[in-house]
Amino acid sequence: MAADGTLLGCGIVQVSHNTRYFATVRDAGKKIQLHGGDEVTLNLTIVNGRDWAAFSSDVHVAKPATTEVMNFSSGEKARLFDFRARRHRAPAACGLSCRERGLFGVRARALTFDIAVV
């Protein structure tokens, strides 16, 4: 507002048109449709010390961005993996593979998430 009481116009600038999707163990095996620049975060619970590793079958389609561990107030932990969909001229697809690492490096289970970039 100006000193004379006139309301001045203001605008909101949208920084990004990208969308972030969240997926959990329940979403394994489902297809996740993204647009170039969108991100998907895999939220995988760490149970009994079994942590996770995640990989993209094609980093030209879905590139790994970050990974971190989130500690919840309940004492639970989760590993968060962020993947960014890359822009393509034609539809593209890849798979995100997640492996649970058991104690002493023993593989406990594996999950896959199918990514389609349109």
PDB file of N, CA and C in Angstrom:
ATOM      1  N   MET A   1       0.849  -1.161   0.000  1.00  0.00           N
ATOM      2  CA  MET A   1       0.000   0.000   0.000  1.00  0.00           C
ATOM      3  C   MET A   1       0.896   1.224   0.000  1.00  0.00           C
ATOM      4  N   ALA A   2       0.564   2.178  -0.822  1.00  0.00           N
ATOM      5  CA  ALA A   2       1.344   3.408  -0.908  1.00  0.00           C
ATOM      6  C   ALA A   2       1.010   4.305   0.284  1.00  0.00           C
ATOM      7  N   ALA A   3       1.845   5.323   0.489  1.00  0.00           N
ATOM      8  CA  ALA A   3       1.663   6.238   1.619  1.00  0.00           C
ATOM      9  C   ALA A   3       0.337   6.974   1.550  1.00  0.00           C
ATOM     10  N   ASP A   4      -0.207   7.158   0.330  1.00  0.00           N
ATOM     11  CA  ASP A   4      -1.470   7.885   0.217  1.00  0.00           C
ATOM     12  C   ASP A   4      -2.691   6.973   0.330  1.00  0.00           C
ATOM     13  N   GLY A   5      -2.464   5.707   0.651  1.00  0.00           N
ATOM     14  CA  GLY A   5      -3.564   4.773   0.838  1.00  0.00           C
ATOM     15  C   GLY A   5      -3.949   4.014  -0.424  1.00  0.00           C
ATOM     16  N   THR A   6      -3.276   4.253  -1.534  1.00  0.00           N
ATOM     17  CA  THR A   6      -3.567   3.556  -2.780  1.00  0.00           C
ATOM     18  C   THR A   6      -3.005   2.136  -2.714  1.00  0.00           C
ATOM     19  N   LEU A   7      -3.834   1.193  -3.067  1.00  0.00           N
ATOM     20  CA  LEU A   7      -3.386  -0.191  -3.077  1.00  0.00           C
ATOM     21  C   LEU A   7      -2.594  -0.434  -4.355  1.00  0.00           C
ATOM     22  N   LEU A   8      -1.353  -0.824  -4.199  1.00  0.00           N
ATOM     23  CA  LEU A   8      -0.509  -1.112  -5.355  1.00  0.00           C
ATOM     24  C   LEU A   8      -0.671  -2.576  -5.741  1.00  0.00           C
ATOM     25  N   GLY A   9      -0.594  -2.869  -7.030  1.00  0.00           N
ATOM     26  CA  GLY A   9      -0.730  -4.236  -7.505  1.00  0.00           C
ATOM     27  C   GLY A   9       0.481  -5.083  -7.140  1.00  0.00           C
ATOM     28  N   CYS A  10       0.232  -6.322  -6.883  1.00  0.00           N
ATOM     29  CA  CYS A  10       1.341  -7.240  -6.626  1.00  0.00           C
ATOM     30  C   CYS A  10       1.019  -8.549  -7.323  1.00  0.00           C
ATOM     31  N   GLY A  11       2.016  -9.307  -7.593  1.00  0.00           N
ATOM     32  CA  GLY A  11       1.814 -10.573  -8.283  1.00  0.00           C
ATOM     33  C   GLY A  11       2.560 -11.689  -7.594  1.00  0.00           C
ATOM     34  N   ILE A  12       2.144 -12.872  -7.894  1.00  0.00           N
ATOM     35  CA  ILE A  12       2.815 -14.053  -7.357  1.00  0.00           C
ATOM     36  C   ILE A  12       3.603 -14.677  -8.496  1.00  0.00           C
ATOM     37  N   VAL A  13       4.844 -14.933  -8.252  1.00  0.00           N
ATOM     38  CA  VAL A  13       5.692 -15.546  -9.261  1.00  0.00           C
ATOM     39  C   VAL A  13       5.818 -17.029  -8.941  1.00  0.00           C
ATOM     40  N   GLN A  14       5.409 -17.857  -9.880  1.00  0.00           N
ATOM     41  CA  GLN A  14       5.553 -19.292  -9.684  1.00  0.00           C
ATOM     42  C   GLN A  14       6.957 -19.672 -10.116  1.00  0.00           C
ATOM     43  N   VAL A  15       7.716 -20.213  -9.195  1.00  0.00           N
ATOM     44  CA  VAL A  15       9.109 -20.542  -9.461  1.00  0.00           C
ATOM     45  C   VAL A  15       9.226 -21.756 -10.367  1.00  0.00           C
ATOM     46  N   SER A  16       8.370 -22.758 -10.179  1.00  0.00           N
ATOM     47  CA  SER A  16       8.506 -23.995 -10.929  1.00  0.00           C
ATOM     48  C   SER A  16       7.137 -24.530 -11.323  1.00  0.00           C
ATOM     49  N   HIS A  17       7.049 -25.097 -12.497  1.00  0.00           N
ATOM     50  CA  HIS A  17       5.821 -25.750 -12.939  1.00  0.00           C
ATOM     51  C   HIS A  17       5.909 -27.246 -12.686  1.00  0.00           C
ATOM     52  N   ASN A  18       6.985 -27.695 -12.098  1.00  0.00           N
ATOM     53  CA  ASN A  18       7.214 -29.111 -11.872  1.00  0.00           C
ATOM     54  C   ASN A  18       6.369 -29.616 -10.710  1.00  0.00           C
ATOM     55  N   THR A  19       6.073 -30.891 -10.752  1.00  0.00           N
ATOM     56  CA  THR A  19       5.275 -31.539  -9.730  1.00  0.00           C
ATOM     57  C   THR A  19       6.131 -32.585  -9.026  1.00  0.00           C
ATOM     58  N   ARG A  20       5.911 -32.737  -7.719  1.00  0.00           N
ATOM     59  CA  ARG A  20       6.612 -33.767  -6.956  1.00  0.00           C
ATOM     60  C   ARG A  20       5.586 -34.827  -6.549  1.00  0.00           C
ATOM     61  N   TYR A  21       5.911 -36.069  -6.848  1.00  0.00           N
ATOM     62  CA  TYR A  21       5.078 -37.203  -6.485  1.00  0.00           C
ATOM     63  C   TYR A  21       5.771 -37.970  -5.367  1.00  0.00           C
ATOM     64  N   PHE A  22       4.982 -38.518  -4.461  1.00  0.00           N
ATOM     65  CA  PHE A  22       5.528 -39.334  -3.378  1.00  0.00           C
ATOM     66  C   PHE A  22       5.021 -40.760  -3.553  1.00  0.00           C
ATOM     67  N   ALA A  23       5.920 -41.725  -3.418  1.00  0.00           N
ATOM     68  CA  ALA A  23       5.564 -43.130  -3.545  1.00  0.00           C
ATOM     69  C   ALA A  23       6.125 -43.897  -2.351  1.00  0.00           C
ATOM     70  N   THR A  24       5.393 -44.885  -1.907  1.00  0.00           N
ATOM     71  CA  THR A  24       5.816 -45.727  -0.790  1.00  0.00           C
ATOM     72  C   THR A  24       5.827 -47.184  -1.242  1.00  0.00           C
ATOM     73  N   VAL A  25       6.114 -48.080  -0.330  1.00  0.00           N
ATOM     74  CA  VAL A  25       6.148 -49.507  -0.635  1.00  0.00           C
ATOM     75  C   VAL A  25       4.828 -49.954  -1.260  1.00  0.00           C
ATOM     76  N   ARG A  26       3.710 -49.387  -0.817  1.00  0.00           N
ATOM     77  CA  ARG A  26       2.387 -49.757  -1.366  1.00  0.00           C
ATOM     78  C   ARG A  26       2.273 -49.452  -2.849  1.00  0.00           C
ATOM     79  N   ASP A  27       3.072 -48.523  -3.362  1.00  0.00           N
ATOM     80  CA  ASP A  27       2.994 -48.125  -4.766  1.00  0.00           C
ATOM     81  C   ASP A  27       3.900 -48.951  -5.676  1.00  0.00           C
ATOM     82  N   ALA A  28       4.666 -49.845  -5.109  1.00  0.00           N
ATOM     83  CA  ALA A  28       5.586 -50.662  -5.913  1.00  0.00           C
ATOM     84  C   ALA A  28       4.801 -51.427  -6.971  1.00  0.00           C
ATOM     85  N   GLY A  29       5.358 -51.485  -8.178  1.00  0.00           N
ATOM     86  CA  GLY A  29       4.730 -52.182  -9.287  1.00  0.00           C
ATOM     87  C   GLY A  29       3.763 -51.328 -10.082  1.00  0.00           C
ATOM     88  N   LYS A  30       3.402 -50.163  -9.576  1.00  0.00           N
ATOM     89  CA  LYS A  30       2.495 -49.273 -10.286  1.00  0.00           C
ATOM     90  C   LYS A  30       3.276 -48.370 -11.231  1.00  0.00           C
ATOM     91  N   LYS A  31       2.595 -47.875 -12.262  1.00  0.00           N
ATOM     92  CA  LYS A  31       3.221 -46.944 -13.193  1.00  0.00           C
ATOM     93  C   LYS A  31       3.014 -45.519 -12.681  1.00  0.00           C
ATOM     94  N   ILE A  32       4.077 -44.743 -12.662  1.00  0.00           N
ATOM     95  CA  ILE A  32       4.031 -43.343 -12.253  1.00  0.00           C
ATOM     96  C   ILE A  32       4.303 -42.509 -13.486  1.00  0.00           C
ATOM     97  N   GLN A  33       3.338 -41.677 -13.872  1.00  0.00           N
ATOM     98  CA  GLN A  33       3.488 -40.848 -15.073  1.00  0.00           C
ATOM     99  C   GLN A  33       3.991 -39.470 -14.683  1.00  0.00           C
ATOM    100  N   LEU A  34       5.103 -39.068 -15.288  1.00  0.00           N
ATOM    101  CA  LEU A  34       5.727 -37.783 -15.006  1.00  0.00           C
ATOM    102  C   LEU A  34       5.869 -36.969 -16.279  1.00  0.00           C
ATOM    103  N   HIS A  35       6.034 -35.684 -16.123  1.00  0.00           N
ATOM    104  CA  HIS A  35       6.419 -34.791 -17.219  1.00  0.00           C
ATOM    105  C   HIS A  35       7.865 -34.387 -16.972  1.00  0.00           C
ATOM    106  N   GLY A  36       8.572 -33.991 -18.020  1.00  0.00           N
ATOM    107  CA  GLY A  36       9.959 -33.583 -17.867  1.00  0.00           C
ATOM    108  C   GLY A  36      10.110 -32.538 -16.780  1.00  0.00           C
ATOM    109  N   GLY A  37      11.034 -32.750 -15.871  1.00  0.00           N
ATOM    110  CA  GLY A  37      11.270 -31.825 -14.772  1.00  0.00           C
ATOM    111  C   GLY A  37      10.556 -32.217 -13.494  1.00  0.00           C
ATOM    112  N   ASP A  38       9.499 -33.052 -13.598  1.00  0.00           N
ATOM    113  CA  ASP A  38       8.809 -33.526 -12.394  1.00  0.00           C
ATOM    114  C   ASP A  38       9.747 -34.390 -11.570  1.00  0.00           C
ATOM    115  N   GLU A  39       9.431 -34.524 -10.306  1.00  0.00           N
ATOM    116  CA  GLU A  39      10.235 -35.365  -9.416  1.00  0.00           C
ATOM    117  C   GLU A  39       9.355 -36.384  -8.726  1.00  0.00           C
ATOM    118  N   VAL A  40       9.938 -37.524  -8.442  1.00  0.00           N
ATOM    119  CA  VAL A  40       9.271 -38.535  -7.636  1.00  0.00           C
ATOM    120  C   VAL A  40      10.182 -38.826  -6.449  1.00  0.00           C
ATOM    121  N   THR A  41       9.579 -38.867  -5.273  1.00  0.00           N
ATOM    122  CA  THR A  41      10.309 -39.202  -4.051  1.00  0.00           C
ATOM    123  C   THR A  41       9.816 -40.552  -3.570  1.00  0.00           C
ATOM    124  N   LEU A  42      10.727 -41.491  -3.443  1.00  0.00           N
ATOM    125  CA  LEU A  42      10.402 -42.800  -2.884  1.00  0.00           C
ATOM    126  C   LEU A  42      10.652 -42.730  -1.385  1.00  0.00           C
ATOM    127  N   ASN A  43       9.641 -43.027  -0.605  1.00  0.00           N
ATOM    128  CA  ASN A  43       9.702 -42.961   0.851  1.00  0.00           C
ATOM    129  C   ASN A  43       9.637 -44.393   1.369  1.00  0.00           C
ATOM    130  N   LEU A  44      10.792 -44.949   1.759  1.00  0.00           N
ATOM    131  CA  LEU A  44      10.879 -46.350   2.152  1.00  0.00           C
ATOM    132  C   LEU A  44      11.300 -46.463   3.615  1.00  0.00           C
ATOM    133  N   THR A  45      10.489 -47.149   4.406  1.00  0.00           N
ATOM    134  CA  THR A  45      10.720 -47.267   5.840  1.00  0.00           C
ATOM    135  C   THR A  45      11.906 -48.176   6.135  1.00  0.00           C
ATOM    136  N   ILE A  46      12.732 -47.738   7.060  1.00  0.00           N
ATOM    137  CA  ILE A  46      13.863 -48.532   7.537  1.00  0.00           C
ATOM    138  C   ILE A  46      13.380 -49.294   8.768  1.00  0.00           C
ATOM    139  N   VAL A  47      13.368 -50.628   8.685  1.00  0.00           N
ATOM    140  CA  VAL A  47      12.867 -51.458   9.775  1.00  0.00           C
ATOM    141  C   VAL A  47      13.963 -52.410  10.232  1.00  0.00           C
ATOM    142  N   ASN A  48      14.158 -52.515  11.537  1.00  0.00           N
ATOM    143  CA  ASN A  48      15.149 -53.432  12.114  1.00  0.00           C
ATOM    144  C   ASN A  48      16.526 -53.256  11.495  1.00  0.00           C
ATOM    145  N   GLY A  49      16.907 -52.023  11.204  1.00  0.00           N
ATOM    146  CA  GLY A  49      18.228 -51.743  10.659  1.00  0.00           C
ATOM    147  C   GLY A  49      18.387 -52.061   9.190  1.00  0.00           C
ATOM    148  N   ARG A  50      17.318 -52.459   8.508  1.00  0.00           N
ATOM    149  CA  ARG A  50      17.390 -52.774   7.077  1.00  0.00           C
ATOM    150  C   ARG A  50      17.193 -51.508   6.276  1.00  0.00           C
ATOM    151  N   ASP A  51      18.251 -51.037   5.670  1.00  0.00           N
ATOM    152  CA  ASP A  51      18.227 -49.800   4.886  1.00  0.00           C
ATOM    153  C   ASP A  51      17.971 -50.140   3.423  1.00  0.00           C
ATOM    154  N   TRP A  52      17.834 -49.114   2.589  1.00  0.00           N
ATOM    155  CA  TRP A  52      17.501 -49.285   1.181  1.00  0.00           C
ATOM    156  C   TRP A  52      18.545 -48.665   0.269  1.00  0.00           C
ATOM    157  N   ALA A  53      18.637 -49.199  -0.939  1.00  0.00           N
ATOM    158  CA  ALA A  53      19.411 -48.609  -2.029  1.00  0.00           C
ATOM    159  C   ALA A  53      18.458 -48.515  -3.220  1.00  0.00           C
ATOM    160  N   ALA A  54      18.566 -47.457  -4.013  1.00  0.00           N
ATOM    161  CA  ALA A  54      17.677 -47.287  -5.166  1.00  0.00           C
ATOM    162  C   ALA A  54      18.485 -46.919  -6.401  1.00  0.00           C
ATOM    163  N   PHE A  55      18.047 -47.418  -7.552  1.00  0.00           N
ATOM    164  CA  PHE A  55      18.743 -47.221  -8.813  1.00  0.00           C
ATOM    165  C   PHE A  55      17.742 -46.961  -9.927  1.00  0.00           C
ATOM    166  N   SER A  56      18.148 -46.202 -10.913  1.00  0.00           N
ATOM    167  CA  SER A  56      17.346 -45.977 -12.112  1.00  0.00           C
ATOM    168  C   SER A  56      17.901 -46.855 -13.223  1.00  0.00           C
ATOM    169  N   SER A  57      17.005 -47.510 -13.969  1.00  0.00           N
ATOM    170  CA  SER A  57      17.475 -48.355 -15.075  1.00  0.00           C
ATOM    171  C   SER A  57      17.991 -47.513 -16.238  1.00  0.00           C
ATOM    172  N   ASP A  58      17.621 -46.238 -16.275  1.00  0.00           N
ATOM    173  CA  ASP A  58      18.090 -45.339 -17.336  1.00  0.00           C
ATOM    174  C   ASP A  58      18.166 -43.919 -16.781  1.00  0.00           C
ATOM    175  N   VAL A  59      19.359 -43.460 -16.453  1.00  0.00           N
ATOM    176  CA  VAL A  59      19.517 -42.126 -15.858  1.00  0.00           C
ATOM    177  C   VAL A  59      19.201 -41.012 -16.855  1.00  0.00           C
ATOM    178  N   HIS A  60      19.041 -41.361 -18.147  1.00  0.00           N
ATOM    179  CA  HIS A  60      18.641 -40.366 -19.131  1.00  0.00           C
ATOM    180  C   HIS A  60      17.137 -40.112 -19.078  1.00  0.00           C
ATOM    181  N   VAL A  61      16.405 -40.977 -18.382  1.00  0.00           N
ATOM    182  CA  VAL A  61      14.958 -40.818 -18.219  1.00  0.00           C
ATOM    183  C   VAL A  61      14.642 -40.280 -16.825  1.00  0.00           C
ATOM    184  N   ALA A  62      15.145 -40.951 -15.796  1.00  0.00           N
ATOM    185  CA  ALA A  62      14.928 -40.515 -14.406  1.00  0.00           C
ATOM    186  C   ALA A  62      16.281 -40.494 -13.705  1.00  0.00           C
ATOM    187  N   LYS A  63      16.746 -39.310 -13.431  1.00  0.00           N
ATOM    188  CA  LYS A  63      18.080 -39.120 -12.854  1.00  0.00           C
ATOM    189  C   LYS A  63      17.981 -39.036 -11.327  1.00  0.00           C
ATOM    190  N   PRO A  64      18.820 -39.815 -10.623  1.00  0.00           N
ATOM    191  CA  PRO A  64      18.840 -39.692  -9.161  1.00  0.00           C
ATOM    192  C   PRO A  64      19.259 -38.279  -8.760  1.00  0.00           C
ATOM    193  N   ALA A  65      18.533 -37.694  -7.814  1.00  0.00           N
ATOM    194  CA  ALA A  65      18.847 -36.331  -7.373  1.00  0.00           C
ATOM    195  C   ALA A  65      19.461 -36.344  -5.974  1.00  0.00           C
ATOM    196  N   THR A  66      18.710 -36.755  -4.979  1.00  0.00           N
ATOM    197  CA  THR A  66      19.221 -36.760  -3.604  1.00  0.00           C
ATOM    198  C   THR A  66      18.715 -37.985  -2.860  1.00  0.00           C
ATOM    199  N   THR A  67      19.358 -38.269  -1.754  1.00  0.00           N
ATOM    200  CA  THR A  67      18.882 -39.291  -0.825  1.00  0.00           C
ATOM    201  C   THR A  67      19.155 -38.796   0.585  1.00  0.00           C
ATOM    202  N   GLU A  68      18.241 -39.081   1.474  1.00  0.00           N
ATOM    203  CA  GLU A  68      18.424 -38.680   2.864  1.00  0.00           C
ATOM    204  C   GLU A  68      17.620 -39.593   3.765  1.00  0.00           C
ATOM    205  N   VAL A  69      17.969 -39.599   5.042  1.00  0.00           N
ATOM    206  CA  VAL A  69      17.225 -40.351   6.046  1.00  0.00           C
ATOM    207  C   VAL A  69      16.419 -39.362   6.869  1.00  0.00           C
ATOM    208  N   MET A  70      15.139 -39.677   7.027  1.00  0.00           N
ATOM    209  CA  MET A  70      14.275 -38.835   7.848  1.00  0.00           C
ATOM    210  C   MET A  70      13.976 -39.584   9.139  1.00  0.00           C
ATOM    211  N   ASN A  71      14.172 -38.910  10.269  1.00  0.00           N
ATOM    212  CA  ASN A  71      13.867 -39.475  11.578  1.00  0.00           C
ATOM    213  C   ASN A  71      12.566 -38.864  12.081  1.00  0.00           C
ATOM    214  N   PHE A  72      11.595 -39.706  12.373  1.00  0.00           N
ATOM    215  CA  PHE A  72      10.307 -39.234  12.852  1.00  0.00           C
ATOM    216  C   PHE A  72      10.288 -39.225  14.381  1.00  0.00           C
ATOM    217  N   SER A  73       9.428 -38.400  14.955  1.00  0.00           N
ATOM    218  CA  SER A  73       9.350 -38.289  16.413  1.00  0.00           C
ATOM    219  C   SER A  73       8.931 -39.601  17.066  1.00  0.00           C
ATOM    220  N   SER A  74       8.288 -40.484  16.317  1.00  0.00           N
ATOM    221  CA  SER A  74       7.865 -41.786  16.845  1.00  0.00           C
ATOM    222  C   SER A  74       9.036 -42.757  16.976  1.00  0.00           C
ATOM    223  N   GLY A  75      10.209 -42.350  16.451  1.00  0.00           N
ATOM    224  CA  GLY A  75      11.367 -43.232  16.474  1.00  0.00           C
ATOM    225  C   GLY A  75      11.577 -43.979  15.168  1.00  0.00           C
ATOM    226  N   GLU A  76      10.596 -43.922  14.272  1.00  0.00           N
ATOM    227  CA  GLU A  76      10.735 -44.581  12.979  1.00  0.00           C
ATOM    228  C   GLU A  76      11.674 -43.783  12.090  1.00  0.00           C
ATOM    229  N   LYS A  77      12.272 -44.489  11.122  1.00  0.00           N
ATOM    230  CA  LYS A  77      13.155 -43.862  10.145  1.00  0.00           C
ATOM    231  C   LYS A  77      12.696 -44.245   8.748  1.00  0.00           C
ATOM    232  N   ALA A  78      12.961 -43.373   7.786  1.00  0.00           N
ATOM    233  CA  ALA A  78      12.663 -43.677   6.389  1.00  0.00           C
ATOM    234  C   ALA A  78      13.790 -43.129   5.519  1.00  0.00           C
ATOM    235  N   ARG A  79      14.086 -43.838   4.458  1.00  0.00           N
ATOM    236  CA  ARG A  79      15.060 -43.387   3.466  1.00  0.00           C
ATOM    237  C   ARG A  79      14.259 -42.745   2.339  1.00  0.00           C
ATOM    238  N   LEU A  80      14.613 -41.507   1.986  1.00  0.00           N
ATOM    239  CA  LEU A  80      13.946 -40.783   0.907  1.00  0.00           C
ATOM    240  C   LEU A  80      14.884 -40.693  -0.296  1.00  0.00           C
ATOM    241  N   PHE A  81      14.412 -41.160  -1.449  1.00  0.00           N
ATOM    242  CA  PHE A  81      15.175 -41.077  -2.698  1.00  0.00           C
ATOM    243  C   PHE A  81      14.430 -40.156  -3.647  1.00  0.00           C
ATOM    244  N   ASP A  82      15.093 -39.140  -4.153  1.00  0.00           N
ATOM    245  CA  ASP A  82      14.493 -38.238  -5.131  1.00  0.00           C
ATOM    246  C   ASP A  82      15.049 -38.547  -6.513  1.00  0.00           C
ATOM    247  N   PHE A  83      14.145 -38.647  -7.490  1.00  0.00           N
ATOM    248  CA  PHE A  83      14.520 -38.830  -8.885  1.00  0.00           C
ATOM    249  C   PHE A  83      13.836 -37.746  -9.698  1.00  0.00           C
ATOM    250  N   ARG A  84      14.569 -37.126 -10.617  1.00  0.00           N
ATOM    251  CA  ARG A  84      14.021 -36.079 -11.477  1.00  0.00           C
ATOM    252  C   ARG A  84      13.841 -36.639 -12.886  1.00  0.00           C
ATOM    253  N   ALA A  85      12.640 -36.448 -13.445  1.00  0.00           N
ATOM    254  CA  ALA A  85      12.364 -36.876 -14.818  1.00  0.00           C
ATOM    255  C   ALA A  85      13.030 -35.901 -15.780  1.00  0.00           C
ATOM    256  N   ARG A  86      13.751 -36.434 -16.735  1.00  0.00           N
ATOM    257  CA  ARG A  86      14.439 -35.592 -17.715  1.00  0.00           C
ATOM    258  C   ARG A  86      13.506 -35.321 -18.884  1.00  0.00           C
ATOM    259  N   ARG A  87      13.709 -34.208 -19.532  1.00  0.00           N
ATOM    260  CA  ARG A  87      12.853 -33.818 -20.666  1.00  0.00           C
ATOM    261  C   ARG A  87      13.217 -34.635 -21.916  1.00  0.00           C
ATOM    262  N   HIS A  88      12.186 -35.045 -22.650  1.00  0.00           N
ATOM    263  CA  HIS A  88      12.373 -35.840 -23.867  1.00  0.00           C
ATOM    264  C   HIS A  88      11.459 -35.322 -24.959  1.00  0.00           C
ATOM    265  N   ARG A  89      11.851 -35.544 -26.204  1.00  0.00           N
ATOM    266  CA  ARG A  89      11.009 -35.166 -27.339  1.00  0.00           C
ATOM    267  C   ARG A  89       9.907 -36.189 -27.559  1.00  0.00           C
ATOM    268  N   ALA A  90      10.143 -37.406 -27.147  1.00  0.00           N
ATOM    269  CA  ALA A  90       9.158 -38.478 -27.291  1.00  0.00           C
ATOM    270  C   ALA A  90       8.979 -39.140 -25.928  1.00  0.00           C
ATOM    271  N   PRO A  91       7.849 -39.821 -25.723  1.00  0.00           N
ATOM    272  CA  PRO A  91       7.667 -40.515 -24.446  1.00  0.00           C
ATOM    273  C   PRO A  91       8.822 -41.480 -24.169  1.00  0.00           C
ATOM    274  N   ALA A  92       9.176 -41.607 -22.923  1.00  0.00           N
ATOM    275  CA  ALA A  92      10.272 -42.487 -22.513  1.00  0.00           C
ATOM    276  C   ALA A  92       9.861 -43.206 -21.233  1.00  0.00           C
ATOM    277  N   ALA A  93      10.542 -44.284 -20.941  1.00  0.00           N
ATOM    278  CA  ALA A  93      10.199 -45.051 -19.742  1.00  0.00           C
ATOM    279  C   ALA A  93      11.450 -45.637 -19.121  1.00  0.00           C
ATOM    280  N   CYS A  94      11.371 -45.896 -17.847  1.00  0.00           N
ATOM    281  CA  CYS A  94      12.444 -46.598 -17.154  1.00  0.00           C
ATOM    282  C   CYS A  94      11.860 -47.194 -15.879  1.00  0.00           C
ATOM    283  N   GLY A  95      12.666 -47.950 -15.198  1.00  0.00           N
ATOM    284  CA  GLY A  95      12.243 -48.532 -13.931  1.00  0.00           C
ATOM    285  C   GLY A  95      13.146 -48.040 -12.813  1.00  0.00           C
ATOM    286  N   LEU A  96      12.566 -47.843 -11.652  1.00  0.00           N
ATOM    287  CA  LEU A  96      13.345 -47.532 -10.458  1.00  0.00           C
ATOM    288  C   LEU A  96      13.354 -48.797  -9.617  1.00  0.00           C
ATOM    289  N   SER A  97      14.541 -49.309  -9.344  1.00  0.00           N
ATOM    290  CA  SER A  97      14.682 -50.518  -8.550  1.00  0.00           C
ATOM    291  C   SER A  97      15.160 -50.165  -7.160  1.00  0.00           C
ATOM    292  N   CYS A  98      14.538 -50.763  -6.185  1.00  0.00           N
ATOM    293  CA  CYS A  98      14.927 -50.535  -4.796  1.00  0.00           C
ATOM    294  C   CYS A  98      15.227 -51.875  -4.165  1.00  0.00           C
ATOM    295  N   ARG A  99      16.340 -51.933  -3.469  1.00  0.00           N
ATOM    296  CA  ARG A  99      16.728 -53.158  -2.775  1.00  0.00           C
ATOM    297  C   ARG A  99      16.893 -52.864  -1.302  1.00  0.00           C
ATOM    298  N   GLU A 100      16.247 -53.673  -0.505  1.00  0.00           N
ATOM    299  CA  GLU A 100      16.404 -53.550   0.938  1.00  0.00           C
ATOM    300  C   GLU A 100      17.643 -54.341   1.321  1.00  0.00           C
ATOM    301  N   ARG A 101      18.534 -53.666   2.044  1.00  0.00           N
ATOM    302  CA  ARG A 101      19.758 -54.323   2.484  1.00  0.00           C
ATOM    303  C   ARG A 101      19.553 -54.805   3.906  1.00  0.00           C
ATOM    304  N   GLY A 102      19.614 -56.111   4.082  1.00  0.00           N
ATOM    305  CA  GLY A 102      19.453 -56.685   5.408  1.00  0.00           C
ATOM    306  C   GLY A 102      20.743 -56.572   6.193  1.00  0.00           C
ATOM    307  N   LEU A 103      20.713 -57.114   7.360  1.00  0.00           N
ATOM    308  CA  LEU A 103      21.902 -57.118   8.204  1.00  0.00           C
ATOM    309  C   LEU A 103      23.004 -57.917   7.526  1.00  0.00           C
ATOM    310  N   PHE A 104      24.223 -57.486   7.687  1.00  0.00           N
ATOM    311  CA  PHE A 104      25.410 -58.130   7.108  1.00  0.00           C
ATOM    312  C   PHE A 104      25.361 -58.156   5.584  1.00  0.00           C
ATOM    313  N   GLY A 105      24.648 -57.187   4.980  1.00  0.00           N
ATOM    314  CA  GLY A 105      24.611 -57.070   3.526  1.00  0.00           C
ATOM    315  C   GLY A 105      23.692 -58.054   2.823  1.00  0.00           C
ATOM    316  N   VAL A 106      22.915 -58.833   3.569  1.00  0.00           N
ATOM    317  CA  VAL A 106      22.013 -59.800   2.959  1.00  0.00           C
ATOM    318  C   VAL A 106      20.819 -59.060   2.367  1.00  0.00           C
ATOM    319  N   ARG A 107      20.540 -59.324   1.092  1.00  0.00           N
ATOM    320  CA  ARG A 107      19.420 -58.655   0.436  1.00  0.00           C
ATOM    321  C   ARG A 107      18.109 -59.245   0.940  1.00  0.00           C
ATOM    322  N   ALA A 108      17.215 -58.394   1.432  1.00  0.00           N
ATOM    323  CA  ALA A 108      15.971 -58.866   2.014  1.00  0.00           C
ATOM    324  C   ALA A 108      14.830 -58.893   0.990  1.00  0.00           C
ATOM    325  N   ARG A 109      14.610 -57.808   0.275  1.00  0.00           N
ATOM    326  CA  ARG A 109      13.557 -57.775  -0.743  1.00  0.00           C
ATOM    327  C   ARG A 109      13.862 -56.678  -1.746  1.00  0.00           C
ATOM    328  N   ALA A 110      13.163 -56.765  -2.883  1.00  0.00           N
ATOM    329  CA  ALA A 110      13.361 -55.768  -3.943  1.00  0.00           C
ATOM    330  C   ALA A 110      12.001 -55.252  -4.387  1.00  0.00           C
ATOM    331  N   LEU A 111      11.972 -53.982  -4.773  1.00  0.00           N
ATOM    332  CA  LEU A 111      10.763 -53.332  -5.267  1.00  0.00           C
ATOM    333  C   LEU A 111      11.075 -52.657  -6.585  1.00  0.00           C
ATOM    334  N   THR A 112      10.079 -52.518  -7.453  1.00  0.00           N
ATOM    335  CA  THR A 112      10.270 -51.736  -8.676  1.00  0.00           C
ATOM    336  C   THR A 112       9.123 -50.754  -8.832  1.00  0.00           C
ATOM    337  N   PHE A 113       9.440 -49.615  -9.402  1.00  0.00           N
ATOM    338  CA  PHE A 113       8.470 -48.578  -9.728  1.00  0.00           C
ATOM    339  C   PHE A 113       8.677 -48.258 -11.202  1.00  0.00           C
ATOM    340  N   ASP A 114       7.626 -48.319 -12.002  1.00  0.00           N
ATOM    341  CA  ASP A 114       7.729 -48.031 -13.431  1.00  0.00           C
ATOM    342  C   ASP A 114       7.442 -46.557 -13.669  1.00  0.00           C
ATOM    343  N   ILE A 115       8.372 -45.875 -14.351  1.00  0.00           N
ATOM    344  CA  ILE A 115       8.264 -44.451 -14.624  1.00  0.00           C
ATOM    345  C   ILE A 115       8.004 -44.257 -16.113  1.00  0.00           C
ATOM    346  N   ALA A 116       6.989 -43.457 -16.442  1.00  0.00           N
ATOM    347  CA  ALA A 116       6.718 -43.065 -17.821  1.00  0.00           C
ATOM    348  C   ALA A 116       6.803 -41.555 -17.911  1.00  0.00           C
ATOM    349  N   VAL A 117       7.682 -41.053 -18.760  1.00  0.00           N
ATOM    350  CA  VAL A 117       7.842 -39.614 -18.945  1.00  0.00           C
ATOM    351  C   VAL A 117       7.170 -39.236 -20.254  1.00  0.00           C
ATOM    352  N   VAL A 118       6.185 -38.339 -20.165  1.00  0.00           N
ATOM    353  CA  VAL A 118       5.439 -37.938 -21.370  1.00  0.00           C
ATOM    354  C   VAL A 118       5.732 -36.494 -21.719  1.00  0.00           C
TER     355      VAL A 118
END
